[in-house]
């Protein structure tokens, strides 16, 4: 069993113990978090829905992210990730949520937001947490590290801790 599958299995066990569900709102990972979670047999008992909102238009249409945020702070920002969390929870009814938006590369970076910049957000009910990370590697490595961080954060949240890694 690979590392992501092991994390997803642990997450499933934790969610089952809490009798809770999770949803995902993904951009740069293109559904990778939901894919890892649904590798686990029986995940339909604790995985509610995955939103893959790669474009800003879909972040608005599917998750209710205000269009003005993209002009004000950009898609890769705390504000957008928090709005994605809120929309995902509102549309799914899931207690737990994770949202990601980032620049996986190889292009698309800037001085303020270089390639590898990712915002991750987690929610447990109304409680929200977000962090900006700068990940190294190529496109696939950035995406893989983002999926891993998202799952680890959800596990920490299910255990009653902050999802932010020390």
C-alpha atoms as a PDB file:
ATOM      1  CA  UNK A   1       0.000   0.000   0.000  1.00  0.00           C
ATOM      2  CA  UNK A   2       1.478   3.345  -0.997  1.00  0.00           C
ATOM      3  CA  UNK A   3       1.711   6.318   1.368  1.00  0.00           C
ATOM      4  CA  UNK A   4      -1.333   8.226   0.073  1.00  0.00           C
ATOM      5  CA  UNK A   5      -3.505   5.118   0.223  1.00  0.00           C
ATOM      6  CA  UNK A   6      -2.363   4.495   3.797  1.00  0.00           C
ATOM      7  CA  UNK A   7      -3.208   8.098   4.769  1.00  0.00           C
ATOM      8  CA  UNK A   8      -6.620   7.797   3.098  1.00  0.00           C
ATOM      9  CA  UNK A   9      -7.313   4.537   4.951  1.00  0.00           C
ATOM     10  CA  UNK A  10      -6.397   6.162   8.261  1.00  0.00           C
ATOM     11  CA  UNK A  11      -8.615   9.134   7.409  1.00  0.00           C
ATOM     12  CA  UNK A  12     -11.514   6.815   6.602  1.00  0.00           C
ATOM     13  CA  UNK A  13     -11.141   5.039   9.933  1.00  0.00           C
ATOM     14  CA  UNK A  14     -11.041   8.371  11.789  1.00  0.00           C
ATOM     15  CA  UNK A  15     -14.116   9.703   9.980  1.00  0.00           C
ATOM     16  CA  UNK A  16     -16.005   6.447  10.576  1.00  0.00           C
ATOM     17  CA  UNK A  17     -15.151   6.676  14.287  1.00  0.00           C
ATOM     18  CA  UNK A  18     -16.561  10.223  14.340  1.00  0.00           C
ATOM     19  CA  UNK A  19     -19.549   9.241  12.167  1.00  0.00           C
ATOM     20  CA  UNK A  20     -18.648  12.197   9.962  1.00  0.00           C
ATOM     21  CA  UNK A  21     -18.177  12.918   6.262  1.00  0.00           C
ATOM     22  CA  UNK A  22     -15.619  14.913   4.305  1.00  0.00           C
ATOM     23  CA  UNK A  23     -15.764  16.814   1.027  1.00  0.00           C
ATOM     24  CA  UNK A  24     -13.019  18.247  -1.170  1.00  0.00           C
ATOM     25  CA  UNK A  25     -12.735  21.431  -3.222  1.00  0.00           C
ATOM     26  CA  UNK A  26      -9.736  21.152  -5.517  1.00  0.00           C
ATOM     27  CA  UNK A  27      -8.033  23.247  -8.121  1.00  0.00           C
ATOM     28  CA  UNK A  28      -4.332  22.495  -8.676  1.00  0.00           C
ATOM     29  CA  UNK A  29      -4.679  18.837  -7.649  1.00  0.00           C
ATOM     30  CA  UNK A  30      -7.402  18.207 -10.235  1.00  0.00           C
ATOM     31  CA  UNK A  31      -9.306  15.750  -8.050  1.00  0.00           C
ATOM     32  CA  UNK A  32      -6.255  13.958  -6.661  1.00  0.00           C
ATOM     33  CA  UNK A  33      -7.387  14.274  -3.057  1.00  0.00           C
ATOM     34  CA  UNK A  34     -10.803  12.792  -3.831  1.00  0.00           C
ATOM     35  CA  UNK A  35      -9.149  10.055  -5.898  1.00  0.00           C
ATOM     36  CA  UNK A  36      -6.883   9.073  -3.005  1.00  0.00           C
ATOM     37  CA  UNK A  37      -9.807   9.040  -0.566  1.00  0.00           C
ATOM     38  CA  UNK A  38     -12.006   6.925  -2.829  1.00  0.00           C
ATOM     39  CA  UNK A  39      -9.307   4.273  -3.286  1.00  0.00           C
ATOM     40  CA  UNK A  40     -10.551   2.942   0.043  1.00  0.00           C
ATOM     41  CA  UNK A  41     -13.346   0.376  -0.107  1.00  0.00           C
ATOM     42  CA  UNK A  42     -16.384   1.642   1.761  1.00  0.00           C
ATOM     43  CA  UNK A  43     -15.406   5.310   1.363  1.00  0.00           C
ATOM     44  CA  UNK A  44     -18.975   6.123   0.314  1.00  0.00           C
ATOM     45  CA  UNK A  45     -19.821   5.943   4.023  1.00  0.00           C
ATOM     46  CA  UNK A  46     -17.637   8.958   4.818  1.00  0.00           C
ATOM     47  CA  UNK A  47     -16.776  10.718   1.538  1.00  0.00           C
ATOM     48  CA  UNK A  48     -19.551  13.056   0.443  1.00  0.00           C
ATOM     49  CA  UNK A  49     -18.409  14.813  -2.752  1.00  0.00           C
ATOM     50  CA  UNK A  50     -15.395  16.224  -4.557  1.00  0.00           C
ATOM     51  CA  UNK A  51     -15.518  19.513  -6.422  1.00  0.00           C
ATOM     52  CA  UNK A  52     -12.849  20.004  -9.089  1.00  0.00           C
ATOM     53  CA  UNK A  53     -13.005  23.701  -9.864  1.00  0.00           C
ATOM     54  CA  UNK A  54      -9.990  24.391 -11.999  1.00  0.00           C
ATOM     55  CA  UNK A  55     -11.245  27.635 -13.533  1.00  0.00           C
ATOM     56  CA  UNK A  56     -12.234  30.729 -11.606  1.00  0.00           C
ATOM     57  CA  UNK A  57     -15.643  30.604 -13.313  1.00  0.00           C
ATOM     58  CA  UNK A  58     -16.280  27.150 -11.828  1.00  0.00           C
ATOM     59  CA  UNK A  59     -15.050  28.226  -8.399  1.00  0.00           C
ATOM     60  CA  UNK A  60     -17.805  30.847  -8.586  1.00  0.00           C
ATOM     61  CA  UNK A  61     -20.459  28.662 -10.240  1.00  0.00           C
ATOM     62  CA  UNK A  62     -20.012  25.520  -8.148  1.00  0.00           C
ATOM     63  CA  UNK A  63     -18.734  26.901  -4.849  1.00  0.00           C
ATOM     64  CA  UNK A  64     -20.010  30.470  -4.739  1.00  0.00           C
ATOM     65  CA  UNK A  65     -16.602  32.133  -4.605  1.00  0.00           C
ATOM     66  CA  UNK A  66     -17.257  35.853  -5.177  1.00  0.00           C
ATOM     67  CA  UNK A  67     -15.801  36.896  -8.574  1.00  0.00           C
ATOM     68  CA  UNK A  68     -14.365  40.090  -7.061  1.00  0.00           C
ATOM     69  CA  UNK A  69     -11.958  38.007  -4.930  1.00  0.00           C
ATOM     70  CA  UNK A  70     -10.051  36.871  -8.023  1.00  0.00           C
ATOM     71  CA  UNK A  71      -9.374  40.478  -9.007  1.00  0.00           C
ATOM     72  CA  UNK A  72      -8.555  41.562  -5.453  1.00  0.00           C
ATOM     73  CA  UNK A  73      -6.309  38.729  -4.238  1.00  0.00           C
ATOM     74  CA  UNK A  74      -6.038  36.132  -7.015  1.00  0.00           C
ATOM     75  CA  UNK A  75      -7.181  32.518  -7.134  1.00  0.00           C
ATOM     76  CA  UNK A  76      -4.172  31.331  -5.137  1.00  0.00           C
ATOM     77  CA  UNK A  77      -5.004  33.039  -1.854  1.00  0.00           C
ATOM     78  CA  UNK A  78      -6.295  32.482   1.660  1.00  0.00           C
ATOM     79  CA  UNK A  79      -9.542  34.276   0.867  1.00  0.00           C
ATOM     80  CA  UNK A  80     -10.354  32.093  -2.144  1.00  0.00           C
ATOM     81  CA  UNK A  81      -9.471  28.847  -0.355  1.00  0.00           C
ATOM     82  CA  UNK A  82     -11.660  29.848   2.601  1.00  0.00           C
ATOM     83  CA  UNK A  83     -14.540  30.682   0.234  1.00  0.00           C
ATOM     84  CA  UNK A  84     -14.038  27.302  -1.480  1.00  0.00           C
ATOM     85  CA  UNK A  85     -14.292  25.589   1.921  1.00  0.00           C
ATOM     86  CA  UNK A  86     -17.467  27.445   2.787  1.00  0.00           C
ATOM     87  CA  UNK A  87     -19.073  26.631  -0.566  1.00  0.00           C
ATOM     88  CA  UNK A  88     -18.074  22.974  -0.469  1.00  0.00           C
ATOM     89  CA  UNK A  89     -19.531  22.514   3.001  1.00  0.00           C
ATOM     90  CA  UNK A  90     -22.701  24.424   2.127  1.00  0.00           C
ATOM     91  CA  UNK A  91     -23.330  22.328  -0.994  1.00  0.00           C
ATOM     92  CA  UNK A  92     -22.382  18.982   0.565  1.00  0.00           C
ATOM     93  CA  UNK A  93     -23.450  19.123   4.184  1.00  0.00           C
ATOM     94  CA  UNK A  94     -20.142  17.492   5.148  1.00  0.00           C
ATOM     95  CA  UNK A  95     -18.676  18.323   8.552  1.00  0.00           C
ATOM     96  CA  UNK A  96     -15.084  18.242   7.300  1.00  0.00           C
ATOM     97  CA  UNK A  97     -13.707  19.889   4.174  1.00  0.00           C
ATOM     98  CA  UNK A  98     -10.396  20.512   2.489  1.00  0.00           C
ATOM     99  CA  UNK A  99      -9.706  23.025  -0.284  1.00  0.00           C
ATOM    100  CA  UNK A 100      -6.588  23.675  -2.350  1.00  0.00           C
ATOM    101  CA  UNK A 101      -5.535  26.252  -4.921  1.00  0.00           C
ATOM    102  CA  UNK A 102      -1.999  26.596  -6.194  1.00  0.00           C
ATOM    103  CA  UNK A 103       0.507  26.950  -8.975  1.00  0.00           C
ATOM    104  CA  UNK A 104       1.837  23.511  -9.873  1.00  0.00           C
ATOM    105  CA  UNK A 105       3.871  24.715 -12.863  1.00  0.00           C
ATOM    106  CA  UNK A 106       5.853  24.605 -14.906  1.00  0.00           C
ATOM    107  CA  UNK A 107       4.463  28.053 -15.857  1.00  0.00           C
ATOM    108  CA  UNK A 108       2.050  30.451 -14.217  1.00  0.00           C
ATOM    109  CA  UNK A 109       4.236  31.656 -11.380  1.00  0.00           C
ATOM    110  CA  UNK A 110       5.126  35.242 -10.511  1.00  0.00           C
ATOM    111  CA  UNK A 111       7.476  37.029  -8.129  1.00  0.00           C
ATOM    112  CA  UNK A 112       4.737  37.134  -5.464  1.00  0.00           C
ATOM    113  CA  UNK A 113       3.451  33.622  -6.176  1.00  0.00           C
ATOM    114  CA  UNK A 114       6.208  31.436  -7.624  1.00  0.00           C
ATOM    115  CA  UNK A 115       5.605  27.963  -9.011  1.00  0.00           C
ATOM    116  CA  UNK A 116       5.012  25.649  -6.052  1.00  0.00           C
ATOM    117  CA  UNK A 117       2.908  28.165  -4.117  1.00  0.00           C
ATOM    118  CA  UNK A 118      -0.172  26.420  -2.722  1.00  0.00           C
ATOM    119  CA  UNK A 119      -2.897  27.569  -0.352  1.00  0.00           C
ATOM    120  CA  UNK A 120      -4.568  24.760   1.596  1.00  0.00           C
ATOM    121  CA  UNK A 121      -7.623  25.158   3.779  1.00  0.00           C
ATOM    122  CA  UNK A 122      -9.389  22.804   6.163  1.00  0.00           C
ATOM    123  CA  UNK A 123     -12.707  23.064   7.946  1.00  0.00           C
ATOM    124  CA  UNK A 124     -14.353  21.212  10.802  1.00  0.00           C
ATOM    125  CA  UNK A 125     -17.850  22.638  10.931  1.00  0.00           C
ATOM    126  CA  UNK A 126     -17.451  26.412  11.253  1.00  0.00           C
ATOM    127  CA  UNK A 127     -13.783  26.227  12.306  1.00  0.00           C
ATOM    128  CA  UNK A 128     -11.421  27.092   9.439  1.00  0.00           C
ATOM    129  CA  UNK A 129      -7.663  26.900   9.046  1.00  0.00           C
ATOM    130  CA  UNK A 130      -5.524  27.895   6.080  1.00  0.00           C
ATOM    131  CA  UNK A 131      -1.852  27.911   5.222  1.00  0.00           C
ATOM    132  CA  UNK A 132       0.378  28.948   2.365  1.00  0.00           C
ATOM    133  CA  UNK A 133       3.198  26.602   1.466  1.00  0.00           C
ATOM    134  CA  UNK A 134       5.943  26.722  -1.124  1.00  0.00           C
ATOM    135  CA  UNK A 135       6.587  23.227  -2.433  1.00  0.00           C
ATOM    136  CA  UNK A 136       9.627  22.130  -4.419  1.00  0.00           C
ATOM    137  CA  UNK A 137       9.717  19.889  -7.458  1.00  0.00           C
ATOM    138  CA  UNK A 138       8.061  19.478 -10.817  1.00  0.00           C
ATOM    139  CA  UNK A 139       4.334  19.673 -11.516  1.00  0.00           C
ATOM    140  CA  UNK A 140       3.624  16.089 -10.443  1.00  0.00           C
ATOM    141  CA  UNK A 141       5.686  16.436  -7.260  1.00  0.00           C
ATOM    142  CA  UNK A 142       3.903  19.670  -6.256  1.00  0.00           C
ATOM    143  CA  UNK A 143       0.517  18.044  -6.825  1.00  0.00           C
ATOM    144  CA  UNK A 144       1.511  14.883  -4.924  1.00  0.00           C
ATOM    145  CA  UNK A 145       2.843  16.870  -1.965  1.00  0.00           C
ATOM    146  CA  UNK A 146      -0.361  18.920  -1.903  1.00  0.00           C
ATOM    147  CA  UNK A 147      -2.526  15.781  -1.771  1.00  0.00           C
ATOM    148  CA  UNK A 148      -0.371  14.392   1.041  1.00  0.00           C
ATOM    149  CA  UNK A 149      -0.546  17.636   3.044  1.00  0.00           C
ATOM    150  CA  UNK A 150      -4.310  17.830   2.544  1.00  0.00           C
ATOM    151  CA  UNK A 151      -4.813  14.284   3.874  1.00  0.00           C
ATOM    152  CA  UNK A 152      -2.433  14.809   6.798  1.00  0.00           C
ATOM    153  CA  UNK A 153      -4.266  18.005   7.737  1.00  0.00           C
ATOM    154  CA  UNK A 154      -7.622  16.216   7.651  1.00  0.00           C
ATOM    155  CA  UNK A 155      -6.226  13.464   9.872  1.00  0.00           C
ATOM    156  CA  UNK A 156      -4.932  16.015  12.374  1.00  0.00           C
ATOM    157  CA  UNK A 157      -8.297  17.796  12.334  1.00  0.00           C
ATOM    158  CA  UNK A 158     -10.170  14.527  12.976  1.00  0.00           C
ATOM    159  CA  UNK A 159      -7.860  13.933  15.942  1.00  0.00           C
ATOM    160  CA  UNK A 160      -8.823  17.311  17.406  1.00  0.00           C
ATOM    161  CA  UNK A 161      -5.582  19.094  16.475  1.00  0.00           C
ATOM    162  CA  UNK A 162      -4.797  21.990  14.190  1.00  0.00           C
ATOM    163  CA  UNK A 163      -4.362  20.715  10.625  1.00  0.00           C
ATOM    164  CA  UNK A 164      -1.292  22.919  10.198  1.00  0.00           C
ATOM    165  CA  UNK A 165       1.859  20.857  10.232  1.00  0.00           C
ATOM    166  CA  UNK A 166       4.527  21.966  12.705  1.00  0.00           C
END
